[in-house]
Amino acid sequence: MCDQDHFEDDLKKYSRRDLGSMAAAGVGAAMLLPRAADAAEVSGNDVTIKTPDGDCDAYFVAPKTGAHAAVLIWPDIFGLRPAFRQMAQRLAESGYSVLVVNPFYRTMKAPTAEKGANTPIPEVRPLAQSLNSTTQTTDAKAFIAWLDAQPQVDKSKKIGTTGYCMGGPIVMRTAAAVPNRVGAAATFHGGGLATDSPDSPHRLIPQMKAQFLIAVAENDDQRDPEAKNVLEKSFAQANLPAEIEVYPAGHGWCPPDTRVHNQEQAEKAWKRMLVLFDKALA
């Protein structure tokens, strides 16, 4: 469903502006994200989460009052950065307690991409390759356990999880690793969700209990048009609700700091995610 190696080539078709200076300076994401309607006042902090493999640096943001359903965000290959902090804050303003993690903490602390979303893929590919299905499952369990220990999290409500690009497969492994807690899952231009590999994420669907939103980039779909059909069939066989849609936008269109960001389609995907969370995390 996604071949990250084609990302640079796709920029020629989908790039709409040069955000290089903004990404390098670590600013601009806040200006690109609209504020949530009736936004809650939120408070965010950098946190450290102990896992079986070490200490993970992360960002946690939640409404200033009350306990709320939690959401775990898995970033794309460019890692934890200002754009994802702003996305987490925006989601918290809609009434969720949100954790966005540095998935590469075993190798280095964030920021893990020198030029943010403008970092050449070859420079960050080794970070993605340092992870595997075992590390992703171990991390998922540790992060959800951490969320459940926070006073800002209402444990009577299910947890949501979202993932972008390489975060897509991790979302599916999270839903399978802690099925009794994860009630909603969303992937945006997720890569490798349905493959021929024995450990393909789609093979875990029978272990899940979550409702899904899978937003597919049109260029990813063009390269692997059968993947969405495999996913649709797998979810149907497991009797799990899943909204699977190909969006007229390029791989990486959702985070506001990428050169292929498509605001109209990103907003559509965001709104669909909020509908899912409202329905599944009550």
Foldseek 3Di string as FASTA:
>chain_A
DDDVVCVVVCLVVQFDDDLQVCLLVQDDLLVQDDADVQFAAKDKDWDWFQFPLGIWIKMKMAHPDAAAAEEEEEEALQFDTSLVNNVQNRVRRVGYTYMYTGLQVNPHHPRPANRRQPGDPVSRVVSLVVDDLVSLLRVLVRVVVVLVPDRNHDQVWAHEYEYAACGVLSQLSSQLSCQVRYAEYEYAQYPQQDDPDPVRSLVSLLSHNYAYEYEHEPVRCVVPVCRLVSNVVSCVVSVHHYHYDYDPFHRPQQRPSHSSPDSVRNVVSVVVRVVRCVPGGD
